[in-house]
Amino acid sequence: MRIAFIGLGNMGAPMATNLIKAGHDVCVFDLSEKAMQPLEDAGASRAKSAEAVTQGADVVISMLPAGAHVKGLYLGNDAAQGLLATMTGNPLIIDASTIAPDDSRRVGAAAAERGFAFVDAPVSGGVAGAVAGTLTFIVGGSEEGFERARPVLEAMGKNIFHAGDTGSGQVAKLCNNMLLGILMSGTAEALALGVENGLDPAVLSEIMKQSSGGNWALNGYNPWPGVMEKAPASNDYQGGFLTDLMAKDLGLAWELALKSKSTVPMGSQARNLFALHAAQGSGGLDFSSIQRLYRRDKE
């Protein structure tokens, strides 16, 4: 298939690379010329605009930071018309961004009006999962759209779930990331408590991994530097899933809770902690750097 891929950030670039490896004809576009060069070197073609990249595409995939970017891309804004007004043929649109469910529903409804199939397919698994092709895709949309998307998503991920109608993928993703934020902040808090009372962070981590406190952060993404060699914490919290993005997702989860009048006290606390951490200058670091918020030595 000819696949147009828009958005080549920390996640988008390795996802597009795996599509190339799977034998697809991939054309890419990003506002950054620098971001497109590695994909071109890997075998992709590049386009000069978002409008150009979609021409003749069987599938259009977007991986953008926020709902405003997704709505601007497909629906347009004061500066330009959106892709839905310029695309031809019958491409499947897959938006892998994490945005508000209502934003996905709005874009999906506009796509349907023009006869295009649309699914929201936010991902879980981080940069490591994107590189390894083991991402989890959480898809919202029609059964037909899901089945059309499945073979494309399988080139980039290991677990593909159909959560329900358009927007459902976003709801499930926000629930997941709210829990992730709670787990990471709680893990960092527990590690700091143990170290401040004389424990080795590696020893304490192993104890908790094998005990009832075990969780994903301890198993594969330890927030304490030096405990887990390949975790961002051991690389000065570079790369990975940025604190700014976690703060954004927790904000979206909080807004979702307000709309449904759901009680999310721990999610709200995690949102406040990551917002504080980002405001203190750590927004560009991996979200596991929340550990620094708890450390007295401020490593």
C-alpha atoms as a PDB file:
ATOM      1  CA  MET A   1       0.000   0.000   0.000  1.00  0.00           C
ATOM      2  CA  ARG A   2       0.976   3.608  -0.472  1.00  0.00           C
ATOM      3  CA  ILE A   3       0.983   5.195   2.956  1.00  0.00           C
ATOM      4  CA  ALA A   4       1.206   8.902   3.723  1.00  0.00           C
ATOM      5  CA  PHE A   5       2.706   9.562   7.160  1.00  0.00           C
ATOM      6  CA  ILE A   6       2.441  13.012   8.745  1.00  0.00           C
ATOM      7  CA  GLY A   7       4.335  13.824  11.947  1.00  0.00           C
ATOM      8  CA  LEU A   8       7.846  12.445  12.466  1.00  0.00           C
ATOM      9  CA  GLY A   9       8.548  13.095  16.124  1.00  0.00           C
ATOM     10  CA  ASN A  10       9.973  10.670  18.690  1.00  0.00           C
ATOM     11  CA  MET A  11       7.114   8.253  18.010  1.00  0.00           C
ATOM     12  CA  GLY A  12       6.183   8.969  14.414  1.00  0.00           C
ATOM     13  CA  ALA A  13       9.638   8.485  12.918  1.00  0.00           C
ATOM     14  CA  PRO A  14      10.182   4.898  14.138  1.00  0.00           C
ATOM     15  CA  MET A  15       6.575   3.999  13.320  1.00  0.00           C
ATOM     16  CA  ALA A  16       7.046   5.171   9.736  1.00  0.00           C
ATOM     17  CA  THR A  17      10.368   3.316   9.582  1.00  0.00           C
ATOM     18  CA  ASN A  18       8.636   0.047  10.489  1.00  0.00           C
ATOM     19  CA  LEU A  19       6.108   0.588   7.706  1.00  0.00           C
ATOM     20  CA  ILE A  20       9.012   0.899   5.266  1.00  0.00           C
ATOM     21  CA  LYS A  21      10.559  -2.288   6.658  1.00  0.00           C
ATOM     22  CA  ALA A  22       7.229  -4.059   6.120  1.00  0.00           C
ATOM     23  CA  GLY A  23       7.430  -3.257   2.417  1.00  0.00           C
ATOM     24  CA  HIS A  24       4.944  -0.406   2.175  1.00  0.00           C
ATOM     25  CA  ASP A  25       5.471   2.547  -0.145  1.00  0.00           C
ATOM     26  CA  VAL A  26       5.766   5.338   2.418  1.00  0.00           C
ATOM     27  CA  CYS A  27       5.709   9.056   1.701  1.00  0.00           C
ATOM     28  CA  VAL A  28       6.362  11.363   4.664  1.00  0.00           C
ATOM     29  CA  PHE A  29       5.821  14.955   5.636  1.00  0.00           C
ATOM     30  CA  ASP A  30       6.870  16.960   8.672  1.00  0.00           C
ATOM     31  CA  LEU A  31       7.256  20.679   9.208  1.00  0.00           C
ATOM     32  CA  SER A  32      10.895  19.928  10.064  1.00  0.00           C
ATOM     33  CA  GLU A  33      13.068  19.167   7.043  1.00  0.00           C
ATOM     34  CA  LYS A  34      15.590  17.606   9.419  1.00  0.00           C
ATOM     35  CA  ALA A  35      13.003  15.096  10.643  1.00  0.00           C
ATOM     36  CA  MET A  36      12.306  13.859   7.123  1.00  0.00           C
ATOM     37  CA  GLN A  37      15.890  13.129   6.096  1.00  0.00           C
ATOM     38  CA  PRO A  38      16.386   9.913   8.142  1.00  0.00           C
ATOM     39  CA  LEU A  39      13.140   8.517   6.706  1.00  0.00           C
ATOM     40  CA  GLU A  40      14.236   9.332   3.191  1.00  0.00           C
ATOM     41  CA  ASP A  41      17.527   7.581   3.914  1.00  0.00           C
ATOM     42  CA  ALA A  42      15.522   4.553   5.085  1.00  0.00           C
ATOM     43  CA  GLY A  43      13.613   4.368   1.812  1.00  0.00           C
ATOM     44  CA  ALA A  44      10.681   6.759   2.134  1.00  0.00           C
ATOM     45  CA  SER A  45       9.870   9.536  -0.283  1.00  0.00           C
ATOM     46  CA  ARG A  46       9.222  12.996   1.059  1.00  0.00           C
ATOM     47  CA  ALA A  47       6.571  15.544   0.177  1.00  0.00           C
ATOM     48  CA  LYS A  48       6.701  19.328   0.236  1.00  0.00           C
ATOM     49  CA  SER A  49       3.377  19.720   2.009  1.00  0.00           C
ATOM     50  CA  ALA A  50       0.702  17.816   3.902  1.00  0.00           C
ATOM     51  CA  GLU A  51      -1.582  18.225   0.913  1.00  0.00           C
ATOM     52  CA  ALA A  52       1.016  16.732  -1.423  1.00  0.00           C
ATOM     53  CA  VAL A  53       1.817  13.753   0.796  1.00  0.00           C
ATOM     54  CA  THR A  54      -1.772  12.483   0.726  1.00  0.00           C
ATOM     55  CA  GLN A  55      -2.216  12.489  -3.044  1.00  0.00           C
ATOM     56  CA  GLY A  56      -2.691   8.933  -4.279  1.00  0.00           C
ATOM     57  CA  ALA A  57      -2.389   7.457  -0.763  1.00  0.00           C
ATOM     58  CA  ASP A  58      -4.293   4.334   0.261  1.00  0.00           C
ATOM     59  CA  VAL A  59      -3.788   5.190   3.928  1.00  0.00           C
ATOM     60  CA  VAL A  60      -3.091   8.509   5.656  1.00  0.00           C
ATOM     61  CA  ILE A  61      -1.529   8.311   9.135  1.00  0.00           C
ATOM     62  CA  SER A  62      -1.038  11.300  11.417  1.00  0.00           C
ATOM     63  CA  MET A  63       0.964  11.391  14.642  1.00  0.00           C
ATOM     64  CA  LEU A  64       0.733  14.885  16.091  1.00  0.00           C
ATOM     65  CA  PRO A  65       1.178  16.458  19.543  1.00  0.00           C
ATOM     66  CA  ALA A  66      -2.301  17.816  20.298  1.00  0.00           C
ATOM     67  CA  GLY A  67      -5.897  18.124  19.204  1.00  0.00           C
ATOM     68  CA  ALA A  68      -5.375  21.620  17.793  1.00  0.00           C
ATOM     69  CA  HIS A  69      -2.801  20.223  15.374  1.00  0.00           C
ATOM     70  CA  VAL A  70      -5.070  17.353  14.299  1.00  0.00           C
ATOM     71  CA  LYS A  71      -8.074  19.622  13.755  1.00  0.00           C
ATOM     72  CA  GLY A  72      -5.934  22.139  11.892  1.00  0.00           C
ATOM     73  CA  LEU A  73      -4.492  19.410   9.675  1.00  0.00           C
ATOM     74  CA  TYR A  74      -7.788  17.844   8.630  1.00  0.00           C
ATOM     75  CA  LEU A  75     -10.324  20.623   9.082  1.00  0.00           C
ATOM     76  CA  GLY A  76      -8.181  23.656   8.335  1.00  0.00           C
ATOM     77  CA  ASN A  77      -7.809  27.023  10.062  1.00  0.00           C
ATOM     78  CA  ASP A  78      -7.569  30.700   9.205  1.00  0.00           C
ATOM     79  CA  ALA A  79      -4.315  30.126   7.323  1.00  0.00           C
ATOM     80  CA  ALA A  80      -5.239  27.148   5.140  1.00  0.00           C
ATOM     81  CA  GLN A  81      -7.939  24.646   4.248  1.00  0.00           C
ATOM     82  CA  GLY A  82      -7.771  21.183   5.741  1.00  0.00           C
ATOM     83  CA  LEU A  83      -6.784  17.908   4.140  1.00  0.00           C
ATOM     84  CA  LEU A  84     -10.365  16.647   4.052  1.00  0.00           C
ATOM     85  CA  ALA A  85     -11.066  19.294   1.426  1.00  0.00           C
ATOM     86  CA  THR A  86      -8.096  18.316  -0.745  1.00  0.00           C
ATOM     87  CA  MET A  87      -7.815  14.537  -0.495  1.00  0.00           C
ATOM     88  CA  THR A  88      -9.010  12.407  -3.395  1.00  0.00           C
ATOM     89  CA  GLY A  89      -9.795   8.720  -3.817  1.00  0.00           C
ATOM     90  CA  ASN A  90     -10.853   6.603  -0.864  1.00  0.00           C
ATOM     91  CA  PRO A  91      -7.984   6.677   1.659  1.00  0.00           C
ATOM     92  CA  LEU A  92      -8.348   5.317   5.165  1.00  0.00           C
ATOM     93  CA  ILE A  93      -7.406   7.975   7.727  1.00  0.00           C
ATOM     94  CA  ILE A  94      -5.665   6.762  10.883  1.00  0.00           C
ATOM     95  CA  ASP A  95      -4.944   9.367  13.537  1.00  0.00           C
ATOM     96  CA  ALA A  96      -2.516   7.910  16.070  1.00  0.00           C
ATOM     97  CA  SER A  97      -2.275  11.116  18.113  1.00  0.00           C
ATOM     98  CA  THR A  98      -3.524  11.261  21.690  1.00  0.00           C
ATOM     99  CA  ILE A  99      -6.176  13.981  21.786  1.00  0.00           C
ATOM    100  CA  ALA A 100      -9.548  14.729  23.356  1.00  0.00           C
ATOM    101  CA  PRO A 101     -12.212  12.191  22.346  1.00  0.00           C
ATOM    102  CA  ASP A 102     -14.513  14.976  21.149  1.00  0.00           C
ATOM    103  CA  ASP A 103     -11.771  16.235  18.818  1.00  0.00           C
ATOM    104  CA  SER A 104     -11.510  12.761  17.280  1.00  0.00           C
ATOM    105  CA  ARG A 105     -15.271  12.568  16.928  1.00  0.00           C
ATOM    106  CA  ARG A 106     -15.377  15.963  15.238  1.00  0.00           C
ATOM    107  CA  VAL A 107     -12.694  15.021  12.705  1.00  0.00           C
ATOM    108  CA  GLY A 108     -14.270  11.599  12.207  1.00  0.00           C
ATOM    109  CA  ALA A 109     -17.697  13.103  11.508  1.00  0.00           C
ATOM    110  CA  ALA A 110     -16.226  15.563   9.017  1.00  0.00           C
ATOM    111  CA  ALA A 111     -14.357  12.730   7.302  1.00  0.00           C
ATOM    112  CA  ALA A 112     -17.551  10.660   7.054  1.00  0.00           C
ATOM    113  CA  GLU A 113     -19.379  13.577   5.462  1.00  0.00           C
ATOM    114  CA  ARG A 114     -16.801  13.516   2.661  1.00  0.00           C
ATOM    115  CA  GLY A 115     -16.921   9.729   2.328  1.00  0.00           C
ATOM    116  CA  PHE A 116     -13.622   8.926   4.047  1.00  0.00           C
ATOM    117  CA  ALA A 117     -13.180   6.195   6.644  1.00  0.00           C
ATOM    118  CA  PHE A 118     -11.542   7.488   9.841  1.00  0.00           C
ATOM    119  CA  VAL A 119     -10.253   5.754  12.979  1.00  0.00           C
ATOM    120  CA  ASP A 120      -8.565   7.152  16.043  1.00  0.00           C
ATOM    121  CA  ALA A 121      -5.708   4.852  17.041  1.00  0.00           C
ATOM    122  CA  PRO A 122      -3.651   6.265  19.921  1.00  0.00           C
ATOM    123  CA  VAL A 123      -0.708   4.137  20.995  1.00  0.00           C
ATOM    124  CA  SER A 124       0.896   2.799  24.144  1.00  0.00           C
ATOM    125  CA  GLY A 125       4.411   1.450  24.489  1.00  0.00           C
ATOM    126  CA  GLY A 126       6.630   4.504  24.254  1.00  0.00           C
ATOM    127  CA  VAL A 127       9.569   5.161  21.974  1.00  0.00           C
ATOM    128  CA  ALA A 128      11.077   1.743  22.698  1.00  0.00           C
ATOM    129  CA  GLY A 129       7.865   0.086  21.537  1.00  0.00           C
ATOM    130  CA  ALA A 130       7.726   2.285  18.459  1.00  0.00           C
ATOM    131  CA  VAL A 131      11.282   1.308  17.517  1.00  0.00           C
ATOM    132  CA  ALA A 132      10.714  -2.388  18.193  1.00  0.00           C
ATOM    133  CA  GLY A 133       7.344  -2.454  16.427  1.00  0.00           C
ATOM    134  CA  THR A 134       5.615  -3.707  19.570  1.00  0.00           C
ATOM    135  CA  LEU A 135       3.218  -0.835  20.218  1.00  0.00           C
ATOM    136  CA  THR A 136      -0.313  -1.294  21.463  1.00  0.00           C
ATOM    137  CA  PHE A 137      -2.905   0.425  19.266  1.00  0.00           C
ATOM    138  CA  ILE A 138      -6.251   1.324  20.826  1.00  0.00           C
ATOM    139  CA  VAL A 139      -8.666   1.894  17.969  1.00  0.00           C
ATOM    140  CA  GLY A 140     -11.941   3.765  17.841  1.00  0.00           C
ATOM    141  CA  GLY A 141     -14.130   3.633  14.741  1.00  0.00           C
ATOM    142  CA  SER A 142     -16.380   1.375  12.733  1.00  0.00           C
ATOM    143  CA  GLU A 143     -15.735  -2.339  12.451  1.00  0.00           C
ATOM    144  CA  GLU A 144     -15.014  -1.849   8.745  1.00  0.00           C
ATOM    145  CA  GLY A 145     -12.509   0.914   9.459  1.00  0.00           C
ATOM    146  CA  PHE A 146     -10.848  -1.201  12.128  1.00  0.00           C
ATOM    147  CA  GLU A 147     -10.428  -4.149   9.779  1.00  0.00           C
ATOM    148  CA  ARG A 148      -8.967  -1.893   7.089  1.00  0.00           C
ATOM    149  CA  ALA A 149      -6.543  -0.437   9.612  1.00  0.00           C
ATOM    150  CA  ARG A 150      -5.474  -3.715  11.210  1.00  0.00           C
ATOM    151  CA  PRO A 151      -2.874  -4.884   8.611  1.00  0.00           C
ATOM    152  CA  VAL A 152      -1.239  -1.448   8.630  1.00  0.00           C
ATOM    153  CA  LEU A 153      -1.160  -1.248  12.423  1.00  0.00           C
ATOM    154  CA  GLU A 154       0.260  -4.760  12.681  1.00  0.00           C
ATOM    155  CA  ALA A 155       3.384  -3.521  10.889  1.00  0.00           C
ATOM    156  CA  MET A 156       3.960  -1.120  13.783  1.00  0.00           C
ATOM    157  CA  GLY A 157       2.462  -2.862  16.787  1.00  0.00           C
ATOM    158  CA  LYS A 158       1.961  -6.125  18.606  1.00  0.00           C
ATOM    159  CA  ASN A 159      -1.405  -5.609  20.272  1.00  0.00           C
ATOM    160  CA  ILE A 160      -4.330  -4.153  18.331  1.00  0.00           C
ATOM    161  CA  PHE A 161      -7.576  -3.456  20.210  1.00  0.00           C
ATOM    162  CA  HIS A 162     -10.931  -2.206  18.939  1.00  0.00           C
ATOM    163  CA  ALA A 163     -12.305  -0.112  21.795  1.00  0.00           C
ATOM    164  CA  GLY A 164     -15.556   0.953  20.144  1.00  0.00           C
ATOM    165  CA  ASP A 165     -16.896   3.824  18.043  1.00  0.00           C
ATOM    166  CA  THR A 166     -14.902   6.883  17.004  1.00  0.00           C
ATOM    167  CA  GLY A 167     -13.338   8.529  20.044  1.00  0.00           C
ATOM    168  CA  SER A 168     -13.339   5.321  22.085  1.00  0.00           C
ATOM    169  CA  GLY A 169      -9.663   4.763  21.401  1.00  0.00           C
ATOM    170  CA  GLN A 170      -8.926   8.135  22.953  1.00  0.00           C
ATOM    171  CA  VAL A 171     -11.053   7.421  26.030  1.00  0.00           C
ATOM    172  CA  ALA A 172      -9.231   4.143  26.658  1.00  0.00           C
ATOM    173  CA  LYS A 173      -5.836   5.757  26.048  1.00  0.00           C
ATOM    174  CA  LEU A 174      -6.531   8.572  28.504  1.00  0.00           C
ATOM    175  CA  CYS A 175      -7.637   6.065  31.158  1.00  0.00           C
ATOM    176  CA  ASN A 176      -4.419   4.129  30.583  1.00  0.00           C
ATOM    177  CA  ASN A 177      -2.185   7.199  30.769  1.00  0.00           C
ATOM    178  CA  MET A 178      -3.914   8.477  33.862  1.00  0.00           C
ATOM    179  CA  LEU A 179      -3.091   5.179  35.544  1.00  0.00           C
ATOM    180  CA  LEU A 180       0.467   5.333  34.159  1.00  0.00           C
ATOM    181  CA  GLY A 181       0.961   8.811  35.606  1.00  0.00           C
ATOM    182  CA  ILE A 182      -0.324   7.629  38.991  1.00  0.00           C
ATOM    183  CA  LEU A 183       1.956   4.572  38.924  1.00  0.00           C
ATOM    184  CA  MET A 184       5.065   6.512  37.905  1.00  0.00           C
ATOM    185  CA  SER A 185       4.601   9.276  40.465  1.00  0.00           C
ATOM    186  CA  GLY A 186       3.860   6.707  43.186  1.00  0.00           C
ATOM    187  CA  THR A 187       6.875   4.600  42.241  1.00  0.00           C
ATOM    188  CA  ALA A 188       9.147   7.656  42.330  1.00  0.00           C
ATOM    189  CA  GLU A 189       7.736   8.632  45.720  1.00  0.00           C
ATOM    190  CA  ALA A 190       8.326   5.173  47.184  1.00  0.00           C
ATOM    191  CA  LEU A 191      11.879   4.993  45.836  1.00  0.00           C
ATOM    192  CA  ALA A 192      12.732   8.406  47.279  1.00  0.00           C
ATOM    193  CA  LEU A 193      11.332   7.378  50.671  1.00  0.00           C
ATOM    194  CA  GLY A 194      13.450   4.238  50.708  1.00  0.00           C
ATOM    195  CA  VAL A 195      16.674   5.969  49.646  1.00  0.00           C
ATOM    196  CA  GLU A 196      16.193   8.735  52.205  1.00  0.00           C
ATOM    197  CA  ASN A 197      15.995   6.002  54.824  1.00  0.00           C
ATOM    198  CA  GLY A 198      19.188   4.228  53.809  1.00  0.00           C
ATOM    199  CA  LEU A 199      18.094   1.727  51.128  1.00  0.00           C
ATOM    200  CA  ASP A 200      19.857   1.058  47.841  1.00  0.00           C
ATOM    201  CA  PRO A 201      17.415   2.042  45.039  1.00  0.00           C
ATOM    202  CA  ALA A 202      18.309  -1.038  42.978  1.00  0.00           C
ATOM    203  CA  VAL A 203      17.732  -3.396  45.913  1.00  0.00           C
ATOM    204  CA  LEU A 204      14.473  -1.678  46.853  1.00  0.00           C
ATOM    205  CA  SER A 205      13.304  -1.801  43.231  1.00  0.00           C
ATOM    206  CA  GLU A 206      13.904  -5.538  43.039  1.00  0.00           C
ATOM    207  CA  ILE A 207      12.085  -6.116  46.329  1.00  0.00           C
ATOM    208  CA  MET A 208       9.053  -4.166  45.152  1.00  0.00           C
ATOM    209  CA  LYS A 209       9.119  -5.827  41.717  1.00  0.00           C
ATOM    210  CA  GLN A 210       8.772  -9.208  43.373  1.00  0.00           C
ATOM    211  CA  SER A 211       6.203  -7.993  45.893  1.00  0.00           C
ATOM    212  CA  SER A 212       2.705  -6.572  45.811  1.00  0.00           C
ATOM    213  CA  GLY A 213       3.997  -3.130  44.779  1.00  0.00           C
ATOM    214  CA  GLY A 214       5.271  -4.446  41.432  1.00  0.00           C
ATOM    215  CA  ASN A 215       4.180  -2.433  38.408  1.00  0.00           C
ATOM    216  CA  TRP A 216       5.142  -1.482  34.835  1.00  0.00           C
ATOM    217  CA  ALA A 217       7.462   1.346  35.920  1.00  0.00           C
ATOM    218  CA  LEU A 218       9.501  -0.984  38.115  1.00  0.00           C
ATOM    219  CA  ASN A 219       9.531  -3.777  35.549  1.00  0.00           C
ATOM    220  CA  GLY A 220      10.749  -1.840  32.537  1.00  0.00           C
ATOM    221  CA  TYR A 221      11.037   1.909  33.112  1.00  0.00           C
ATOM    222  CA  ASN A 222      12.654   2.507  36.489  1.00  0.00           C
ATOM    223  CA  PRO A 223      12.743   6.250  37.285  1.00  0.00           C
ATOM    224  CA  TRP A 224      15.880   6.120  39.456  1.00  0.00           C
ATOM    225  CA  PRO A 225      19.135   6.747  37.526  1.00  0.00           C
ATOM    226  CA  GLY A 226      21.465   3.770  37.215  1.00  0.00           C
ATOM    227  CA  VAL A 227      18.987   1.118  38.282  1.00  0.00           C
ATOM    228  CA  MET A 228      17.919   0.119  34.770  1.00  0.00           C
ATOM    229  CA  GLU A 229      20.567   0.615  32.089  1.00  0.00           C
ATOM    230  CA  LYS A 230      18.272   1.222  29.112  1.00  0.00           C
ATOM    231  CA  ALA A 231      15.668   3.337  30.891  1.00  0.00           C
ATOM    232  CA  PRO A 232      15.634   7.094  30.161  1.00  0.00           C
ATOM    233  CA  ALA A 233      16.516   7.712  33.817  1.00  0.00           C
ATOM    234  CA  SER A 234      19.977   6.301  33.106  1.00  0.00           C
ATOM    235  CA  ASN A 235      20.386   8.650  30.134  1.00  0.00           C
ATOM    236  CA  ASP A 236      19.696  11.900  31.980  1.00  0.00           C
ATOM    237  CA  TYR A 237      15.983  11.411  31.195  1.00  0.00           C
ATOM    238  CA  GLN A 238      16.504  12.089  27.500  1.00  0.00           C
ATOM    239  CA  GLY A 239      14.076  10.762  24.875  1.00  0.00           C
ATOM    240  CA  GLY A 240      11.105   8.650  25.784  1.00  0.00           C
ATOM    241  CA  PHE A 241       7.693  10.135  26.634  1.00  0.00           C
ATOM    242  CA  LEU A 242       8.050  13.797  27.524  1.00  0.00           C
ATOM    243  CA  THR A 243       6.788  15.277  30.776  1.00  0.00           C
ATOM    244  CA  ASP A 244       4.919  17.917  28.763  1.00  0.00           C
ATOM    245  CA  LEU A 245       3.013  15.166  26.952  1.00  0.00           C
ATOM    246  CA  MET A 246       2.158  13.334  30.161  1.00  0.00           C
ATOM    247  CA  ALA A 247       0.923  16.594  31.673  1.00  0.00           C
ATOM    248  CA  LYS A 248      -1.184  17.150  28.531  1.00  0.00           C
ATOM    249  CA  ASP A 249      -2.705  13.658  28.683  1.00  0.00           C
ATOM    250  CA  LEU A 250      -3.477  13.951  32.378  1.00  0.00           C
ATOM    251  CA  GLY A 251      -5.149  17.273  31.632  1.00  0.00           C
ATOM    252  CA  LEU A 252      -7.264  15.616  28.943  1.00  0.00           C
ATOM    253  CA  ALA A 253      -8.227  12.842  31.367  1.00  0.00           C
ATOM    254  CA  TRP A 254      -9.212  15.458  33.941  1.00  0.00           C
ATOM    255  CA  GLU A 255     -11.359  17.288  31.367  1.00  0.00           C
ATOM    256  CA  LEU A 256     -12.990  13.985  30.444  1.00  0.00           C
ATOM    257  CA  ALA A 257     -13.750  13.368  34.116  1.00  0.00           C
ATOM    258  CA  LEU A 258     -15.289  16.824  34.468  1.00  0.00           C
ATOM    259  CA  LYS A 259     -17.559  16.153  31.503  1.00  0.00           C
ATOM    260  CA  SER A 260     -18.783  12.813  32.877  1.00  0.00           C
ATOM    261  CA  LYS A 261     -18.710  14.007  36.511  1.00  0.00           C
ATOM    262  CA  SER A 262     -16.353  11.136  37.352  1.00  0.00           C
ATOM    263  CA  THR A 263     -14.361  11.068  40.571  1.00  0.00           C
ATOM    264  CA  VAL A 264     -10.606  10.982  39.863  1.00  0.00           C
ATOM    265  CA  PRO A 265      -8.759  12.230  42.985  1.00  0.00           C
ATOM    266  CA  MET A 266      -5.551  10.320  42.262  1.00  0.00           C
ATOM    267  CA  GLY A 267      -5.636  11.288  38.593  1.00  0.00           C
ATOM    268  CA  SER A 268      -6.071  14.936  39.605  1.00  0.00           C
ATOM    269  CA  GLN A 269      -3.115  14.686  41.988  1.00  0.00           C
ATOM    270  CA  ALA A 270      -0.941  13.127  39.284  1.00  0.00           C
ATOM    271  CA  ARG A 271      -1.976  15.922  36.920  1.00  0.00           C
ATOM    272  CA  ASN A 272      -0.921  18.538  39.469  1.00  0.00           C
ATOM    273  CA  LEU A 273       2.415  16.821  40.118  1.00  0.00           C
ATOM    274  CA  PHE A 274       3.365  16.543  36.449  1.00  0.00           C
ATOM    275  CA  ALA A 275       2.173  20.090  35.754  1.00  0.00           C
ATOM    276  CA  LEU A 276       4.377  21.328  38.601  1.00  0.00           C
ATOM    277  CA  HIS A 277       7.312  19.280  37.376  1.00  0.00           C
ATOM    278  CA  ALA A 278       6.893  20.644  33.842  1.00  0.00           C
ATOM    279  CA  ALA A 279       6.584  24.217  35.137  1.00  0.00           C
ATOM    280  CA  GLN A 280       9.897  23.806  36.968  1.00  0.00           C
ATOM    281  CA  GLY A 281      11.681  23.303  33.644  1.00  0.00           C
ATOM    282  CA  SER A 282      11.434  19.546  33.105  1.00  0.00           C
ATOM    283  CA  GLY A 283       8.812  19.522  30.366  1.00  0.00           C
ATOM    284  CA  GLY A 284      11.337  18.380  27.756  1.00  0.00           C
ATOM    285  CA  LEU A 285      12.577  15.450  29.851  1.00  0.00           C
ATOM    286  CA  ASP A 286      11.116  11.956  29.964  1.00  0.00           C
ATOM    287  CA  PHE A 287       8.134  11.725  32.297  1.00  0.00           C
ATOM    288  CA  SER A 288      10.050   9.394  34.634  1.00  0.00           C
ATOM    289  CA  SER A 289      12.070  12.483  35.611  1.00  0.00           C
ATOM    290  CA  ILE A 290       9.218  13.098  38.069  1.00  0.00           C
ATOM    291  CA  GLN A 291      11.675  11.282  40.330  1.00  0.00           C
ATOM    292  CA  ARG A 292      13.609  14.560  40.629  1.00  0.00           C
ATOM    293  CA  LEU A 293      10.573  16.201  42.203  1.00  0.00           C
ATOM    294  CA  TYR A 294      10.982  13.901  45.201  1.00  0.00           C
ATOM    295  CA  ARG A 295      14.781  13.898  45.544  1.00  0.00           C
ATOM    296  CA  ARG A 296      16.364  16.051  48.192  1.00  0.00           C
ATOM    297  CA  ASP A 297      19.717  16.039  46.374  1.00  0.00           C
ATOM    298  CA  LYS A 298      17.989  17.139  43.123  1.00  0.00           C
ATOM    299  CA  GLU A 299      20.286  14.922  41.035  1.00  0.00           C
END
